[in-house]
Amino acid sequence: QAPGKQRELVAIISSGGGTNYGDTVKGRFTISRDNAK
């Protein structure tokens, strides 16, 4: 969330590893996870 703007999606990842990115960050940001932690 930037000042004066609505909160927006950056990236999400399921426990199964499926991902989804916001359009403005695709190709620049990478989401990952460690299920054990």
PDB file of all heavy atoms in Angstrom:
ATOM      1  N   GLN A   1       0.843  -1.187   0.000  1.00  0.00           N
ATOM      2  CA  GLN A   1       0.000   0.000   0.000  1.00  0.00           C
ATOM      3  C   GLN A   1       0.879   1.237   0.000  1.00  0.00           C
ATOM      4  O   GLN A   1       1.664   1.445   0.929  1.00  0.00           O
ATOM      5  CB  GLN A   1      -0.926   0.006   1.215  1.00  0.00           C
ATOM      6  CG  GLN A   1      -1.958   1.111   1.181  1.00  0.00           C
ATOM      7  CD  GLN A   1      -3.064   0.898   2.197  1.00  0.00           C
ATOM      8  OE1 GLN A   1      -2.924   0.130   3.151  1.00  0.00           O
ATOM      9  NE2 GLN A   1      -4.192   1.554   1.992  1.00  0.00           N
ATOM     10  N   ALA A   2       0.726   2.022  -1.037  1.00  0.00           N
ATOM     11  CA  ALA A   2       1.433   3.289  -1.146  1.00  0.00           C
ATOM     12  C   ALA A   2       0.546   4.398  -0.583  1.00  0.00           C
ATOM     13  O   ALA A   2      -0.677   4.244  -0.534  1.00  0.00           O
ATOM     14  CB  ALA A   2       1.780   3.570  -2.604  1.00  0.00           C
ATOM     15  N   PRO A   3       1.135   5.513  -0.173  1.00  0.00           N
ATOM     16  CA  PRO A   3       0.334   6.609   0.383  1.00  0.00           C
ATOM     17  C   PRO A   3      -0.760   7.069  -0.569  1.00  0.00           C
ATOM     18  O   PRO A   3      -0.504   7.309  -1.757  1.00  0.00           O
ATOM     19  CB  PRO A   3       1.366   7.719   0.612  1.00  0.00           C
ATOM     20  CG  PRO A   3       2.645   6.987   0.792  1.00  0.00           C
ATOM     21  CD  PRO A   3       2.569   5.798  -0.112  1.00  0.00           C
ATOM     22  N   GLY A   4      -1.975   7.138  -0.078  1.00  0.00           N
ATOM     23  CA  GLY A   4      -3.088   7.607  -0.889  1.00  0.00           C
ATOM     24  C   GLY A   4      -3.653   6.587  -1.855  1.00  0.00           C
ATOM     25  O   GLY A   4      -4.542   6.908  -2.650  1.00  0.00           O
ATOM     26  N   LYS A   5      -3.135   5.367  -1.796  1.00  0.00           N
ATOM     27  CA  LYS A   5      -3.613   4.335  -2.720  1.00  0.00           C
ATOM     28  C   LYS A   5      -4.177   3.143  -1.953  1.00  0.00           C
ATOM     29  O   LYS A   5      -3.911   2.969  -0.767  1.00  0.00           O
ATOM     30  CB  LYS A   5      -2.467   3.879  -3.631  1.00  0.00           C
ATOM     31  CG  LYS A   5      -1.956   4.953  -4.577  1.00  0.00           C
ATOM     32  CD  LYS A   5      -0.957   4.385  -5.553  1.00  0.00           C
ATOM     33  CE  LYS A   5      -0.505   5.428  -6.556  1.00  0.00           C
ATOM     34  NZ  LYS A   5       0.456   4.862  -7.554  1.00  0.00           N
ATOM     35  N   GLN A   6      -4.939   2.329  -2.666  1.00  0.00           N
ATOM     36  CA  GLN A   6      -5.490   1.126  -2.058  1.00  0.00           C
ATOM     37  C   GLN A   6      -4.422   0.034  -1.957  1.00  0.00           C
ATOM     38  O   GLN A   6      -3.457   0.022  -2.735  1.00  0.00           O
ATOM     39  CB  GLN A   6      -6.671   0.610  -2.891  1.00  0.00           C
ATOM     40  CG  GLN A   6      -7.914   1.479  -2.815  1.00  0.00           C
ATOM     41  CD  GLN A   6      -9.108   0.842  -3.509  1.00  0.00           C
ATOM     42  OE1 GLN A   6      -8.961   0.087  -4.460  1.00  0.00           O
ATOM     43  NE2 GLN A   6     -10.305   1.141  -3.018  1.00  0.00           N
ATOM     44  N   ARG A   7      -4.624  -0.866  -1.016  1.00  0.00           N
ATOM     45  CA  ARG A   7      -3.726  -2.003  -0.902  1.00  0.00           C
ATOM     46  C   ARG A   7      -3.901  -2.885  -2.144  1.00  0.00           C
ATOM     47  O   ARG A   7      -5.024  -3.131  -2.592  1.00  0.00           O
ATOM     48  CB  ARG A   7      -4.042  -2.799   0.366  1.00  0.00           C
ATOM     49  CG  ARG A   7      -2.979  -3.820   0.732  1.00  0.00           C
ATOM     50  CD  ARG A   7      -3.235  -4.396   2.119  1.00  0.00           C
ATOM     51  NE  ARG A   7      -3.098  -3.377   3.161  1.00  0.00           N
ATOM     52  CZ  ARG A   7      -3.100  -3.665   4.466  1.00  0.00           C
ATOM     53  NH1 ARG A   7      -3.218  -4.932   4.870  1.00  0.00           N
ATOM     54  NH2 ARG A   7      -2.990  -2.692   5.349  1.00  0.00           N
ATOM     55  N   GLU A   8      -2.777  -3.347  -2.691  1.00  0.00           N
ATOM     56  CA  GLU A   8      -2.844  -4.139  -3.910  1.00  0.00           C
ATOM     57  C   GLU A   8      -2.019  -5.411  -3.784  1.00  0.00           C
ATOM     58  O   GLU A   8      -1.059  -5.489  -3.016  1.00  0.00           O
ATOM     59  CB  GLU A   8      -2.333  -3.329  -5.110  1.00  0.00           C
ATOM     60  CG  GLU A   8      -0.865  -2.936  -5.035  1.00  0.00           C
ATOM     61  CD  GLU A   8      -0.371  -2.250  -6.301  1.00  0.00           C
ATOM     62  OE1 GLU A   8      -1.166  -2.052  -7.247  1.00  0.00           O
ATOM     63  OE2 GLU A   8       0.834  -1.922  -6.355  1.00  0.00           O
ATOM     64  N   LEU A   9      -2.392  -6.382  -4.592  1.00  0.00           N
ATOM     65  CA  LEU A   9      -1.679  -7.651  -4.625  1.00  0.00           C
ATOM     66  C   LEU A   9      -0.292  -7.466  -5.215  1.00  0.00           C
ATOM     67  O   LEU A   9      -0.129  -6.835  -6.257  1.00  0.00           O
ATOM     68  CB  LEU A   9      -2.460  -8.660  -5.472  1.00  0.00           C
ATOM     69  CG  LEU A   9      -1.718  -9.942  -5.863  1.00  0.00           C
ATOM     70  CD1 LEU A   9      -1.541 -10.842  -4.649  1.00  0.00           C
ATOM     71  CD2 LEU A   9      -2.443 -10.669  -6.979  1.00  0.00           C
ATOM     72  N   VAL A  10       0.696  -8.058  -4.556  1.00  0.00           N
ATOM     73  CA  VAL A  10       2.035  -8.151  -5.129  1.00  0.00           C
ATOM     74  C   VAL A  10       2.245  -9.570  -5.653  1.00  0.00           C
ATOM     75  O   VAL A  10       2.489  -9.774  -6.834  1.00  0.00           O
ATOM     76  CB  VAL A  10       3.121  -7.790  -4.103  1.00  0.00           C
ATOM     77  CG1 VAL A  10       4.505  -7.973  -4.708  1.00  0.00           C
ATOM     78  CG2 VAL A  10       2.937  -6.361  -3.608  1.00  0.00           C
ATOM     79  N   ALA A  11       2.141 -10.540  -4.755  1.00  0.00           N
ATOM     80  CA  ALA A  11       2.309 -11.935  -5.147  1.00  0.00           C
ATOM     81  C   ALA A  11       1.788 -12.836  -4.047  1.00  0.00           C
ATOM     82  O   ALA A  11       1.870 -12.490  -2.868  1.00  0.00           O
ATOM     83  CB  ALA A  11       3.779 -12.254  -5.422  1.00  0.00           C
ATOM     84  N   ILE A  12       1.250 -13.983  -4.456  1.00  0.00           N
ATOM     85  CA  ILE A  12       0.811 -14.991  -3.494  1.00  0.00           C
ATOM     86  C   ILE A  12       1.307 -16.353  -3.938  1.00  0.00           C
ATOM     87  O   ILE A  12       1.579 -16.574  -5.124  1.00  0.00           O
ATOM     88  CB  ILE A  12      -0.728 -15.027  -3.340  1.00  0.00           C
ATOM     89  CG1 ILE A  12      -1.417 -15.253  -4.678  1.00  0.00           C
ATOM     90  CG2 ILE A  12      -1.242 -13.761  -2.663  1.00  0.00           C
ATOM     91  CD1 ILE A  12      -2.922 -15.445  -4.575  1.00  0.00           C
ATOM     92  N   ILE A  13       1.419 -17.265  -2.955  1.00  0.00           N
ATOM     93  CA  ILE A  13       1.879 -18.613  -3.247  1.00  0.00           C
ATOM     94  C   ILE A  13       1.142 -19.582  -2.336  1.00  0.00           C
ATOM     95  O   ILE A  13       1.019 -19.342  -1.136  1.00  0.00           O
ATOM     96  CB  ILE A  13       3.413 -18.730  -3.085  1.00  0.00           C
ATOM     97  CG1 ILE A  13       3.907 -20.124  -3.466  1.00  0.00           C
ATOM     98  CG2 ILE A  13       3.857 -18.349  -1.673  1.00  0.00           C
ATOM     99  CD1 ILE A  13       5.429 -20.199  -3.606  1.00  0.00           C
ATOM    100  N   SER A  14       0.651 -20.649  -2.919  1.00  0.00           N
ATOM    101  CA  SER A  14      -0.058 -21.656  -2.144  1.00  0.00           C
ATOM    102  C   SER A  14       0.937 -22.636  -1.525  1.00  0.00           C
ATOM    103  O   SER A  14       2.105 -22.685  -1.919  1.00  0.00           O
ATOM    104  CB  SER A  14      -1.049 -22.409  -3.021  1.00  0.00           C
ATOM    105  OG  SER A  14      -0.337 -23.252  -3.915  1.00  0.00           O
ATOM    106  N   SER A  15       0.441 -23.422  -0.596  1.00  0.00           N
ATOM    107  CA  SER A  15       1.300 -24.434   0.016  1.00  0.00           C
ATOM    108  C   SER A  15       1.738 -25.483  -1.000  1.00  0.00           C
ATOM    109  O   SER A  15       2.753 -26.143  -0.813  1.00  0.00           O
ATOM    110  CB  SER A  15       0.587 -25.099   1.200  1.00  0.00           C
ATOM    111  OG  SER A  15      -0.727 -25.487   0.845  1.00  0.00           O
ATOM    112  N   GLY A  16       0.985 -25.575  -2.095  1.00  0.00           N
ATOM    113  CA  GLY A  16       1.359 -26.499  -3.161  1.00  0.00           C
ATOM    114  C   GLY A  16       2.333 -25.910  -4.162  1.00  0.00           C
ATOM    115  O   GLY A  16       2.813 -26.606  -5.057  1.00  0.00           O
ATOM    116  N   GLY A  17       2.608 -24.609  -4.017  1.00  0.00           N
ATOM    117  CA  GLY A  17       3.589 -23.964  -4.877  1.00  0.00           C
ATOM    118  C   GLY A  17       3.031 -23.129  -6.008  1.00  0.00           C
ATOM    119  O   GLY A  17       3.778 -22.480  -6.741  1.00  0.00           O
ATOM    120  N   GLY A  18       1.717 -23.109  -6.159  1.00  0.00           N
ATOM    121  CA  GLY A  18       1.138 -22.269  -7.191  1.00  0.00           C
ATOM    122  C   GLY A  18       1.295 -20.801  -6.859  1.00  0.00           C
ATOM    123  O   GLY A  18       1.186 -20.406  -5.695  1.00  0.00           O
ATOM    124  N   THR A  19       1.573 -19.972  -7.867  1.00  0.00           N
ATOM    125  CA  THR A  19       1.835 -18.556  -7.644  1.00  0.00           C
ATOM    126  C   THR A  19       0.940 -17.669  -8.502  1.00  0.00           C
ATOM    127  O   THR A  19       0.434 -18.096  -9.550  1.00  0.00           O
ATOM    128  CB  THR A  19       3.295 -18.201  -7.949  1.00  0.00           C
ATOM    129  OG1 THR A  19       3.580 -18.511  -9.315  1.00  0.00           O
ATOM    130  CG2 THR A  19       4.249 -18.974  -7.057  1.00  0.00           C
ATOM    131  N   ASN A  20       0.794 -16.441  -8.042  1.00  0.00           N
ATOM    132  CA  ASN A  20       0.091 -15.434  -8.814  1.00  0.00           C
ATOM    133  C   ASN A  20       0.747 -14.099  -8.496  1.00  0.00           C
ATOM    134  O   ASN A  20       1.038 -13.807  -7.332  1.00  0.00           O
ATOM    135  CB  ASN A  20      -1.400 -15.400  -8.437  1.00  0.00           C
ATOM    136  CG  ASN A  20      -2.200 -14.500  -9.350  1.00  0.00           C
ATOM    137  OD1 ASN A  20      -1.880 -14.366 -10.534  1.00  0.00           O
ATOM    138  ND2 ASN A  20      -3.236 -13.893  -8.827  1.00  0.00           N
ATOM    139  N   TYR A  21       0.982 -13.289  -9.536  1.00  0.00           N
ATOM    140  CA  TYR A  21       1.666 -12.012  -9.378  1.00  0.00           C
ATOM    141  C   TYR A  21       0.800 -10.863  -9.862  1.00  0.00           C
ATOM    142  O   TYR A  21       0.028 -11.003 -10.817  1.00  0.00           O
ATOM    143  CB  TYR A  21       2.967 -11.995 -10.176  1.00  0.00           C
ATOM    144  CG  TYR A  21       4.036 -12.911  -9.670  1.00  0.00           C
ATOM    145  CD1 TYR A  21       4.126 -14.231 -10.097  1.00  0.00           C
ATOM    146  CD2 TYR A  21       4.987 -12.463  -8.742  1.00  0.00           C
ATOM    147  CE1 TYR A  21       5.114 -15.078  -9.628  1.00  0.00           C
ATOM    148  CE2 TYR A  21       5.984 -13.293  -8.272  1.00  0.00           C
ATOM    149  CZ  TYR A  21       6.040 -14.605  -8.720  1.00  0.00           C
ATOM    150  OH  TYR A  21       7.033 -15.444  -8.243  1.00  0.00           O
ATOM    151  N   GLY A  22       0.992  -9.715  -9.216  1.00  0.00           N
ATOM    152  CA  GLY A  22       0.378  -8.511  -9.747  1.00  0.00           C
ATOM    153  C   GLY A  22       1.050  -8.127 -11.049  1.00  0.00           C
ATOM    154  O   GLY A  22       2.238  -8.385 -11.255  1.00  0.00           O
ATOM    155  N   ASP A  23       0.307  -7.489 -11.934  1.00  0.00           N
ATOM    156  CA  ASP A  23       0.820  -7.178 -13.259  1.00  0.00           C
ATOM    157  C   ASP A  23       2.061  -6.286 -13.211  1.00  0.00           C
ATOM    158  O   ASP A  23       2.950  -6.409 -14.057  1.00  0.00           O
ATOM    159  CB  ASP A  23      -0.269  -6.498 -14.093  1.00  0.00           C
ATOM    160  CG  ASP A  23      -1.368  -7.457 -14.498  1.00  0.00           C
ATOM    161  OD1 ASP A  23      -1.136  -8.684 -14.474  1.00  0.00           O
ATOM    162  OD2 ASP A  23      -2.471  -6.981 -14.841  1.00  0.00           O
ATOM    163  N   THR A  24       2.127  -5.387 -12.249  1.00  0.00           N
ATOM    164  CA  THR A  24       3.220  -4.418 -12.224  1.00  0.00           C
ATOM    165  C   THR A  24       4.544  -5.013 -11.742  1.00  0.00           C
ATOM    166  O   THR A  24       5.587  -4.365 -11.892  1.00  0.00           O
ATOM    167  CB  THR A  24       2.870  -3.223 -11.318  1.00  0.00           C
ATOM    168  OG1 THR A  24       2.598  -3.696  -9.998  1.00  0.00           O
ATOM    169  CG2 THR A  24       1.656  -2.486 -11.861  1.00  0.00           C
ATOM    170  N   VAL A  25       4.524  -6.218 -11.200  1.00  0.00           N
ATOM    171  CA  VAL A  25       5.764  -6.795 -10.676  1.00  0.00           C
ATOM    172  C   VAL A  25       6.199  -8.047 -11.423  1.00  0.00           C
ATOM    173  O   VAL A  25       7.273  -8.595 -11.147  1.00  0.00           O
ATOM    174  CB  VAL A  25       5.638  -7.125  -9.171  1.00  0.00           C
ATOM    175  CG1 VAL A  25       5.189  -5.896  -8.393  1.00  0.00           C
ATOM    176  CG2 VAL A  25       4.705  -8.305  -8.923  1.00  0.00           C
ATOM    177  N   LYS A  26       5.388  -8.503 -12.356  1.00  0.00           N
ATOM    178  CA  LYS A  26       5.732  -9.713 -13.105  1.00  0.00           C
ATOM    179  C   LYS A  26       7.078  -9.549 -13.807  1.00  0.00           C
ATOM    180  O   LYS A  26       7.340  -8.518 -14.424  1.00  0.00           O
ATOM    181  CB  LYS A  26       4.642 -10.021 -14.129  1.00  0.00           C
ATOM    182  CG  LYS A  26       3.363 -10.565 -13.530  1.00  0.00           C
ATOM    183  CD  LYS A  26       2.321 -10.841 -14.607  1.00  0.00           C
ATOM    184  CE  LYS A  26       1.045 -11.375 -13.995  1.00  0.00           C
ATOM    185  NZ  LYS A  26      -0.021 -11.582 -15.004  1.00  0.00           N
ATOM    186  N   GLY A  27       7.908 -10.572 -13.674  1.00  0.00           N
ATOM    187  CA  GLY A  27       9.226 -10.542 -14.300  1.00  0.00           C
ATOM    188  C   GLY A  27      10.300  -9.876 -13.460  1.00  0.00           C
ATOM    189  O   GLY A  27      11.484  -9.977 -13.776  1.00  0.00           O
ATOM    190  N   ARG A  28       9.900  -9.197 -12.392  1.00  0.00           N
ATOM    191  CA  ARG A  28      10.882  -8.515 -11.534  1.00  0.00           C
ATOM    192  C   ARG A  28      10.921  -9.105 -10.123  1.00  0.00           C
ATOM    193  O   ARG A  28      11.973  -9.148  -9.494  1.00  0.00           O
ATOM    194  CB  ARG A  28      10.554  -7.024 -11.429  1.00  0.00           C
ATOM    195  CG  ARG A  28      10.578  -6.304 -12.767  1.00  0.00           C
ATOM    196  CD  ARG A  28      10.429  -4.787 -12.578  1.00  0.00           C
ATOM    197  NE  ARG A  28       9.150  -4.429 -11.980  1.00  0.00           N
ATOM    198  CZ  ARG A  28       9.018  -3.722 -10.858  1.00  0.00           C
ATOM    199  NH1 ARG A  28      10.091  -3.314 -10.203  1.00  0.00           N
ATOM    200  NH2 ARG A  28       7.814  -3.431 -10.383  1.00  0.00           N
ATOM    201  N   PHE A  29       9.775  -9.533  -9.634  1.00  0.00           N
ATOM    202  CA  PHE A  29       9.675 -10.078  -8.281  1.00  0.00           C
ATOM    203  C   PHE A  29       9.457 -11.582  -8.349  1.00  0.00           C
ATOM    204  O   PHE A  29       8.803 -12.086  -9.274  1.00  0.00           O
ATOM    205  CB  PHE A  29       8.500  -9.459  -7.526  1.00  0.00           C
ATOM    206  CG  PHE A  29       8.653  -8.005  -7.196  1.00  0.00           C
ATOM    207  CD1 PHE A  29       9.688  -7.227  -7.696  1.00  0.00           C
ATOM    208  CD2 PHE A  29       7.727  -7.387  -6.360  1.00  0.00           C
ATOM    209  CE1 PHE A  29       9.809  -5.881  -7.387  1.00  0.00           C
ATOM    210  CE2 PHE A  29       7.832  -6.046  -6.034  1.00  0.00           C
ATOM    211  CZ  PHE A  29       8.873  -5.295  -6.560  1.00  0.00           C
ATOM    212  N   THR A  30       9.983 -12.293  -7.350  1.00  0.00           N
ATOM    213  CA  THR A  30       9.792 -13.731  -7.256  1.00  0.00           C
ATOM    214  C   THR A  30       9.395 -14.097  -5.830  1.00  0.00           C
ATOM    215  O   THR A  30      10.089 -13.725  -4.878  1.00  0.00           O
ATOM    216  CB  THR A  30      11.073 -14.490  -7.632  1.00  0.00           C
ATOM    217  OG1 THR A  30      11.471 -14.128  -8.956  1.00  0.00           O
ATOM    218  CG2 THR A  30      10.836 -15.995  -7.567  1.00  0.00           C
ATOM    219  N   ILE A  31       8.288 -14.804  -5.715  1.00  0.00           N
ATOM    220  CA  ILE A  31       7.838 -15.262  -4.406  1.00  0.00           C
ATOM    221  C   ILE A  31       8.219 -16.723  -4.217  1.00  0.00           C
ATOM    222  O   ILE A  31       8.197 -17.514  -5.176  1.00  0.00           O
ATOM    223  CB  ILE A  31       6.311 -15.059  -4.243  1.00  0.00           C
ATOM    224  CG1 ILE A  31       5.896 -15.279  -2.780  1.00  0.00           C
ATOM    225  CG2 ILE A  31       5.524 -15.950  -5.193  1.00  0.00           C
ATOM    226  CD1 ILE A  31       4.477 -14.831  -2.486  1.00  0.00           C
ATOM    227  N   SER A  32       8.578 -17.075  -2.998  1.00  0.00           N
ATOM    228  CA  SER A  32       8.907 -18.459  -2.670  1.00  0.00           C
ATOM    229  C   SER A  32       8.510 -18.714  -1.222  1.00  0.00           C
ATOM    230  O   SER A  32       8.177 -17.772  -0.478  1.00  0.00           O
ATOM    231  CB  SER A  32      10.403 -18.724  -2.876  1.00  0.00           C
ATOM    232  OG  SER A  32      11.185 -17.892  -2.031  1.00  0.00           O
ATOM    233  N   ARG A  33       8.539 -19.972  -0.825  1.00  0.00           N
ATOM    234  CA  ARG A  33       8.150 -20.286   0.548  1.00  0.00           C
ATOM    235  C   ARG A  33       8.883 -21.508   1.048  1.00  0.00           C
ATOM    236  O   ARG A  33       9.399 -22.316   0.267  1.00  0.00           O
ATOM    237  CB  ARG A  33       6.644 -20.482   0.657  1.00  0.00           C
ATOM    238  CG  ARG A  33       6.067 -21.638  -0.105  1.00  0.00           C
ATOM    239  CD  ARG A  33       4.546 -21.656   0.024  1.00  0.00           C
ATOM    240  NE  ARG A  33       4.148 -22.000   1.389  1.00  0.00           N
ATOM    241  CZ  ARG A  33       2.939 -21.745   1.889  1.00  0.00           C
ATOM    242  NH1 ARG A  33       2.010 -21.152   1.151  1.00  0.00           N
ATOM    243  NH2 ARG A  33       2.655 -22.091   3.133  1.00  0.00           N
ATOM    244  N   ASP A  34       8.923 -21.634   2.361  1.00  0.00           N
ATOM    245  CA  ASP A  34       9.480 -22.799   3.036  1.00  0.00           C
ATOM    246  C   ASP A  34       8.375 -23.328   3.943  1.00  0.00           C
ATOM    247  O   ASP A  34       8.115 -22.751   5.010  1.00  0.00           O
ATOM    248  CB  ASP A  34      10.719 -22.388   3.837  1.00  0.00           C
ATOM    249  CG  ASP A  34      11.417 -23.571   4.494  1.00  0.00           C
ATOM    250  OD1 ASP A  34      10.742 -24.593   4.746  1.00  0.00           O
ATOM    251  OD2 ASP A  34      12.607 -23.460   4.764  1.00  0.00           O
ATOM    252  N   ASN A  35       7.715 -24.388   3.530  1.00  0.00           N
ATOM    253  CA  ASN A  35       6.572 -24.892   4.288  1.00  0.00           C
ATOM    254  C   ASN A  35       6.977 -25.378   5.675  1.00  0.00           C
ATOM    255  O   ASN A  35       6.204 -25.269   6.628  1.00  0.00           O
ATOM    256  CB  ASN A  35       5.886 -26.016   3.519  1.00  0.00           C
ATOM    257  CG  ASN A  35       5.140 -25.499   2.299  1.00  0.00           C
ATOM    258  OD1 ASN A  35       4.754 -24.327   2.229  1.00  0.00           O
ATOM    259  ND2 ASN A  35       4.946 -26.368   1.319  1.00  0.00           N
ATOM    260  N   ALA A  36       8.172 -25.917   5.787  1.00  0.00           N
ATOM    261  CA  ALA A  36       8.629 -26.423   7.087  1.00  0.00           C
ATOM    262  C   ALA A  36       8.763 -25.299   8.106  1.00  0.00           C
ATOM    263  O   ALA A  36       8.606 -25.524   9.309  1.00  0.00           O
ATOM    264  CB  ALA A  36       9.950 -27.158   6.931  1.00  0.00           C
ATOM    265  N   LYS A  37       9.038 -24.095   7.618  1.00  0.00           N
ATOM    266  CA  LYS A  37       9.209 -22.937   8.505  1.00  0.00           C
ATOM    267  C   LYS A  37       7.996 -22.025   8.512  1.00  0.00           C
ATOM    268  O   LYS A  37       8.006 -20.993   9.186  1.00  0.00           O
ATOM    269  CB  LYS A  37      10.442 -22.138   8.081  1.00  0.00           C
ATOM    270  CG  LYS A  37      11.754 -22.904   8.204  1.00  0.00           C
ATOM    271  CD  LYS A  37      12.929 -22.034   7.771  1.00  0.00           C
ATOM    272  CE  LYS A  37      14.250 -22.773   7.920  1.00  0.00           C
ATOM    273  NZ  LYS A  37      15.408 -21.945   7.483  1.00  0.00           N
TER     274      LYS A  37
END
